[in-house]
Amino acid sequence: MDETKSLLNAYYEALYERLRANRELLAARIEELLREESAKRRFGGFDDDKFTAYLEACLAFVEERLETYNPIGIQYTFDLSRRKEAARLELQLDWYDSREEFRALVEAAQARTQQPDSLQRLTELAEELIGELGAFPDRSIIDTYEARPALGSLPDYIVALAIEEIIR
């Protein structure tokens, strides 16, 4: 598991670097996507003030995601005791279920770390994971929102769409 953990850390670090380097592009794309989705769904009472509030929420979610991917704090994500506690709390708080997506990410990382030279190629393998699976937990967010669109889920959805566009 040490090799898998190292690869997952490299995966999150690569995501962090990509998002940090593309913050301005990400913010601009979020604004476009938010306008498109709010017009498409015709959420009632979505005036300029509400748009601004949702845009600010989206941008705050980007900062939250950056903190999640931050290589300085990422060790807490994979600390087993904290991870179990955090997973239970996430299931209570999140409107989407990302357990299957996380399992797929770990399985893909484990498959790659079975290669003899995997530790020397962590960055390359992390890029492969991003290309194949995107940024965790975007797939879960996008799938759940598209199955049941809701105004309260809109910021997470917009951020997930924008991140997926930016990282690929």
C-alpha atoms as a PDB file:
ATOM      1  CA  MET A   1       0.000   0.000   0.000  1.00  0.00           C
ATOM      2  CA  ASP A   2       2.965   2.351   0.473  1.00  0.00           C
ATOM      3  CA  GLU A   3       3.498   2.563  -3.292  1.00  0.00           C
ATOM      4  CA  THR A   4      -0.219   3.153  -3.856  1.00  0.00           C
ATOM      5  CA  LYS A   5      -0.251   5.843  -1.185  1.00  0.00           C
ATOM      6  CA  SER A   6       2.752   7.506  -2.829  1.00  0.00           C
ATOM      7  CA  LEU A   7       1.017   7.448  -6.205  1.00  0.00           C
ATOM      8  CA  LEU A   8      -2.197   8.877  -4.768  1.00  0.00           C
ATOM      9  CA  ASN A   9      -0.175  11.644  -3.122  1.00  0.00           C
ATOM     10  CA  ALA A  10       1.476  12.377  -6.503  1.00  0.00           C
ATOM     11  CA  TYR A  11      -1.990  12.348  -8.139  1.00  0.00           C
ATOM     12  CA  TYR A  12      -3.322  14.952  -5.706  1.00  0.00           C
ATOM     13  CA  GLU A  13      -0.174  17.036  -5.994  1.00  0.00           C
ATOM     14  CA  ALA A  14      -0.491  17.055  -9.799  1.00  0.00           C
ATOM     15  CA  LEU A  15      -4.136  18.149  -9.498  1.00  0.00           C
ATOM     16  CA  TYR A  16      -3.122  20.870  -7.048  1.00  0.00           C
ATOM     17  CA  GLU A  17      -0.450  22.200  -9.388  1.00  0.00           C
ATOM     18  CA  ARG A  18      -2.764  22.172 -12.425  1.00  0.00           C
ATOM     19  CA  LEU A  19      -5.572  23.974 -10.634  1.00  0.00           C
ATOM     20  CA  ARG A  20      -3.286  26.494  -8.990  1.00  0.00           C
ATOM     21  CA  ALA A  21      -1.635  27.301 -12.325  1.00  0.00           C
ATOM     22  CA  ASN A  22      -5.028  27.727 -14.029  1.00  0.00           C
ATOM     23  CA  ARG A  23      -6.956  29.628 -11.337  1.00  0.00           C
ATOM     24  CA  GLU A  24      -7.891  32.546 -13.591  1.00  0.00           C
ATOM     25  CA  LEU A  25      -8.966  30.316 -16.456  1.00  0.00           C
ATOM     26  CA  LEU A  26     -10.928  28.183 -14.007  1.00  0.00           C
ATOM     27  CA  ALA A  27     -12.716  31.231 -12.552  1.00  0.00           C
ATOM     28  CA  ALA A  28     -13.669  32.481 -16.022  1.00  0.00           C
ATOM     29  CA  ARG A  29     -14.950  29.064 -17.069  1.00  0.00           C
ATOM     30  CA  ILE A  30     -16.945  28.714 -13.850  1.00  0.00           C
ATOM     31  CA  GLU A  31     -18.708  32.003 -14.572  1.00  0.00           C
ATOM     32  CA  GLU A  32     -19.584  30.831 -18.112  1.00  0.00           C
ATOM     33  CA  LEU A  33     -20.814  27.435 -16.938  1.00  0.00           C
ATOM     34  CA  LEU A  34     -22.875  28.986 -14.157  1.00  0.00           C
ATOM     35  CA  ARG A  35     -24.608  31.318 -16.636  1.00  0.00           C
ATOM     36  CA  GLU A  36     -25.291  28.424 -19.012  1.00  0.00           C
ATOM     37  CA  GLU A  37     -26.620  26.053 -16.352  1.00  0.00           C
ATOM     38  CA  SER A  38     -28.789  28.637 -14.584  1.00  0.00           C
ATOM     39  CA  ALA A  39     -30.365  29.594 -17.934  1.00  0.00           C
ATOM     40  CA  LYS A  40     -30.805  25.958 -18.951  1.00  0.00           C
ATOM     41  CA  ARG A  41     -32.454  24.890 -15.682  1.00  0.00           C
ATOM     42  CA  ARG A  42     -34.409  28.141 -15.244  1.00  0.00           C
ATOM     43  CA  PHE A  43     -34.057  28.073 -11.504  1.00  0.00           C
ATOM     44  CA  GLY A  44     -36.669  30.444 -10.133  1.00  0.00           C
ATOM     45  CA  GLY A  45     -35.582  33.848  -8.899  1.00  0.00           C
ATOM     46  CA  PHE A  46     -32.033  33.537 -10.215  1.00  0.00           C
ATOM     47  CA  ASP A  47     -31.392  37.279 -10.402  1.00  0.00           C
ATOM     48  CA  ASP A  48     -28.049  39.111 -10.503  1.00  0.00           C
ATOM     49  CA  ASP A  49     -27.622  39.013  -6.725  1.00  0.00           C
ATOM     50  CA  LYS A  50     -28.278  35.291  -6.595  1.00  0.00           C
ATOM     51  CA  PHE A  51     -25.923  34.728  -9.529  1.00  0.00           C
ATOM     52  CA  THR A  52     -23.184  36.670  -7.735  1.00  0.00           C
ATOM     53  CA  ALA A  53     -23.749  34.674  -4.537  1.00  0.00           C
ATOM     54  CA  TYR A  54     -23.544  31.373  -6.413  1.00  0.00           C
ATOM     55  CA  LEU A  55     -20.447  32.497  -8.283  1.00  0.00           C
ATOM     56  CA  GLU A  56     -18.788  33.408  -4.987  1.00  0.00           C
ATOM     57  CA  ALA A  57     -19.765  29.992  -3.589  1.00  0.00           C
ATOM     58  CA  CYS A  58     -18.222  28.291  -6.636  1.00  0.00           C
ATOM     59  CA  LEU A  59     -14.981  30.204  -6.229  1.00  0.00           C
ATOM     60  CA  ALA A  60     -14.904  29.324  -2.524  1.00  0.00           C
ATOM     61  CA  PHE A  61     -15.363  25.658  -3.481  1.00  0.00           C
ATOM     62  CA  VAL A  62     -12.340  25.940  -5.771  1.00  0.00           C
ATOM     63  CA  GLU A  63     -10.280  27.159  -2.813  1.00  0.00           C
ATOM     64  CA  GLU A  64     -11.618  24.277  -0.735  1.00  0.00           C
ATOM     65  CA  ARG A  65     -10.665  21.811  -3.459  1.00  0.00           C
ATOM     66  CA  LEU A  66      -7.175  23.310  -3.672  1.00  0.00           C
ATOM     67  CA  GLU A  67      -6.792  22.784   0.065  1.00  0.00           C
ATOM     68  CA  THR A  68      -7.949  19.187  -0.340  1.00  0.00           C
ATOM     69  CA  TYR A  69      -5.326  18.565  -3.009  1.00  0.00           C
ATOM     70  CA  ASN A  70      -2.589  20.582  -1.266  1.00  0.00           C
ATOM     71  CA  PRO A  71       0.447  18.289  -0.929  1.00  0.00           C
ATOM     72  CA  ILE A  72       1.298  19.775   2.455  1.00  0.00           C
ATOM     73  CA  GLY A  73      -1.982  18.603   3.982  1.00  0.00           C
ATOM     74  CA  ILE A  74      -2.735  15.564   1.830  1.00  0.00           C
ATOM     75  CA  GLN A  75      -1.276  13.103   4.336  1.00  0.00           C
ATOM     76  CA  TYR A  76      -4.464  13.501   6.366  1.00  0.00           C
ATOM     77  CA  THR A  77      -6.502  12.146   3.475  1.00  0.00           C
ATOM     78  CA  PHE A  78      -4.716   8.819   3.584  1.00  0.00           C
ATOM     79  CA  ASP A  79      -4.226   8.462   7.337  1.00  0.00           C
ATOM     80  CA  LEU A  80      -6.403   5.373   7.874  1.00  0.00           C
ATOM     81  CA  SER A  81      -8.022   6.339  11.171  1.00  0.00           C
ATOM     82  CA  ARG A  82      -8.741   9.880  10.042  1.00  0.00           C
ATOM     83  CA  ARG A  83      -9.843   8.727   6.593  1.00  0.00           C
ATOM     84  CA  LYS A  84     -12.506   6.404   8.054  1.00  0.00           C
ATOM     85  CA  GLU A  85     -13.808   9.149  10.322  1.00  0.00           C
ATOM     86  CA  ALA A  86     -13.758  11.675   7.484  1.00  0.00           C
ATOM     87  CA  ALA A  87     -15.534   9.242   5.143  1.00  0.00           C
ATOM     88  CA  ARG A  88     -18.358   8.732   7.645  1.00  0.00           C
ATOM     89  CA  LEU A  89     -18.733  12.482   8.054  1.00  0.00           C
ATOM     90  CA  GLU A  90     -18.651  13.074   4.281  1.00  0.00           C
ATOM     91  CA  LEU A  91     -21.449  10.557   3.751  1.00  0.00           C
ATOM     92  CA  GLN A  92     -23.590  12.540   6.174  1.00  0.00           C
ATOM     93  CA  LEU A  93     -22.760  15.931   4.682  1.00  0.00           C
ATOM     94  CA  ASP A  94     -22.316  15.370   0.947  1.00  0.00           C
ATOM     95  CA  TRP A  95     -25.277  15.149  -1.394  1.00  0.00           C
ATOM     96  CA  TYR A  96     -23.338  12.708  -3.601  1.00  0.00           C
ATOM     97  CA  ASP A  97     -21.738   9.334  -2.821  1.00  0.00           C
ATOM     98  CA  SER A  98     -18.094   9.136  -3.938  1.00  0.00           C
ATOM     99  CA  ARG A  99     -17.176   5.784  -2.374  1.00  0.00           C
ATOM    100  CA  GLU A 100     -17.259   3.884  -5.668  1.00  0.00           C
ATOM    101  CA  GLU A 101     -15.248   6.595  -7.427  1.00  0.00           C
ATOM    102  CA  PHE A 102     -12.618   6.505  -4.666  1.00  0.00           C
ATOM    103  CA  ARG A 103     -12.465   2.691  -4.842  1.00  0.00           C
ATOM    104  CA  ALA A 104     -11.864   2.940  -8.599  1.00  0.00           C
ATOM    105  CA  LEU A 105      -9.112   5.512  -8.031  1.00  0.00           C
ATOM    106  CA  VAL A 106      -7.363   3.313  -5.457  1.00  0.00           C
ATOM    107  CA  GLU A 107      -7.690   0.222  -7.662  1.00  0.00           C
ATOM    108  CA  ALA A 108      -6.257   2.083 -10.662  1.00  0.00           C
ATOM    109  CA  ALA A 109      -3.383   3.345  -8.511  1.00  0.00           C
ATOM    110  CA  GLN A 110      -2.716  -0.148  -7.131  1.00  0.00           C
ATOM    111  CA  ALA A 111      -2.645  -1.621 -10.641  1.00  0.00           C
ATOM    112  CA  ARG A 112      -0.073   0.951 -11.718  1.00  0.00           C
ATOM    113  CA  THR A 113       2.144   0.473  -8.670  1.00  0.00           C
ATOM    114  CA  GLN A 114       2.541  -3.233  -9.428  1.00  0.00           C
ATOM    115  CA  GLN A 115       5.039  -2.222 -12.110  1.00  0.00           C
ATOM    116  CA  PRO A 116       8.664  -2.624 -10.977  1.00  0.00           C
ATOM    117  CA  ASP A 117       9.688   0.940 -11.840  1.00  0.00           C
ATOM    118  CA  SER A 118       6.540   2.598 -10.520  1.00  0.00           C
ATOM    119  CA  LEU A 119       8.196   4.669  -7.786  1.00  0.00           C
ATOM    120  CA  GLN A 120      10.550   6.297 -10.297  1.00  0.00           C
ATOM    121  CA  ARG A 121       7.595   7.134 -12.532  1.00  0.00           C
ATOM    122  CA  LEU A 122       5.158   8.543  -9.945  1.00  0.00           C
ATOM    123  CA  THR A 123       4.569  11.824 -11.775  1.00  0.00           C
ATOM    124  CA  GLU A 124       3.934  10.073 -15.065  1.00  0.00           C
ATOM    125  CA  LEU A 125       1.615   7.559 -13.405  1.00  0.00           C
ATOM    126  CA  ALA A 126      -0.244  10.363 -11.627  1.00  0.00           C
ATOM    127  CA  GLU A 127      -0.796  12.062 -14.990  1.00  0.00           C
ATOM    128  CA  GLU A 128      -2.173   8.759 -16.333  1.00  0.00           C
ATOM    129  CA  LEU A 129      -4.625   8.571 -13.430  1.00  0.00           C
ATOM    130  CA  ILE A 130      -5.804  12.125 -14.090  1.00  0.00           C
ATOM    131  CA  GLY A 131      -6.233  11.390 -17.789  1.00  0.00           C
ATOM    132  CA  GLU A 132      -8.167   8.199 -17.094  1.00  0.00           C
ATOM    133  CA  LEU A 133     -10.238   9.120 -14.040  1.00  0.00           C
ATOM    134  CA  GLY A 134     -10.208  12.914 -13.805  1.00  0.00           C
ATOM    135  CA  ALA A 135     -10.189  14.699 -10.472  1.00  0.00           C
ATOM    136  CA  PHE A 136     -11.742  12.956  -7.495  1.00  0.00           C
ATOM    137  CA  PRO A 137     -14.690  13.373  -6.627  1.00  0.00           C
ATOM    138  CA  ASP A 138     -15.855  15.145  -9.814  1.00  0.00           C
ATOM    139  CA  ARG A 139     -17.407  12.122 -11.525  1.00  0.00           C
ATOM    140  CA  SER A 140     -19.629  11.440  -8.491  1.00  0.00           C
ATOM    141  CA  ILE A 141     -20.717  15.075  -8.306  1.00  0.00           C
ATOM    142  CA  ILE A 142     -21.467  15.358 -12.033  1.00  0.00           C
ATOM    143  CA  ASP A 143     -23.368  12.062 -12.257  1.00  0.00           C
ATOM    144  CA  THR A 144     -25.490  12.751  -9.177  1.00  0.00           C
ATOM    145  CA  TYR A 145     -26.347  16.317 -10.219  1.00  0.00           C
ATOM    146  CA  GLU A 146     -27.256  15.289 -13.761  1.00  0.00           C
ATOM    147  CA  ALA A 147     -29.536  12.570 -12.383  1.00  0.00           C
ATOM    148  CA  ARG A 148     -31.192  15.010  -9.943  1.00  0.00           C
ATOM    149  CA  PRO A 149     -30.422  18.681 -10.708  1.00  0.00           C
ATOM    150  CA  ALA A 150     -30.946  20.924  -7.702  1.00  0.00           C
ATOM    151  CA  LEU A 151     -30.110  24.528  -6.986  1.00  0.00           C
ATOM    152  CA  GLY A 152     -28.310  23.601  -3.751  1.00  0.00           C
ATOM    153  CA  SER A 153     -25.987  21.286  -5.675  1.00  0.00           C
ATOM    154  CA  LEU A 154     -25.245  23.778  -8.445  1.00  0.00           C
ATOM    155  CA  PRO A 155     -21.931  25.217  -7.098  1.00  0.00           C
ATOM    156  CA  ASP A 156     -20.354  21.774  -6.626  1.00  0.00           C
ATOM    157  CA  TYR A 157     -21.530  20.738 -10.085  1.00  0.00           C
ATOM    158  CA  ILE A 158     -20.209  23.852 -11.829  1.00  0.00           C
ATOM    159  CA  VAL A 159     -16.835  23.539 -10.084  1.00  0.00           C
ATOM    160  CA  ALA A 160     -16.599  19.840 -10.989  1.00  0.00           C
ATOM    161  CA  LEU A 161     -17.371  20.558 -14.673  1.00  0.00           C
ATOM    162  CA  ALA A 162     -14.835  23.391 -14.831  1.00  0.00           C
ATOM    163  CA  ILE A 163     -12.125  21.368 -13.106  1.00  0.00           C
ATOM    164  CA  GLU A 164     -12.630  18.453 -15.478  1.00  0.00           C
ATOM    165  CA  GLU A 165     -12.271  20.790 -18.475  1.00  0.00           C
ATOM    166  CA  ILE A 166      -9.177  22.494 -17.078  1.00  0.00           C
ATOM    167  CA  ILE A 167      -7.250  19.373 -16.060  1.00  0.00           C
ATOM    168  CA  ARG A 168      -7.642  17.448 -19.298  1.00  0.00           C
END
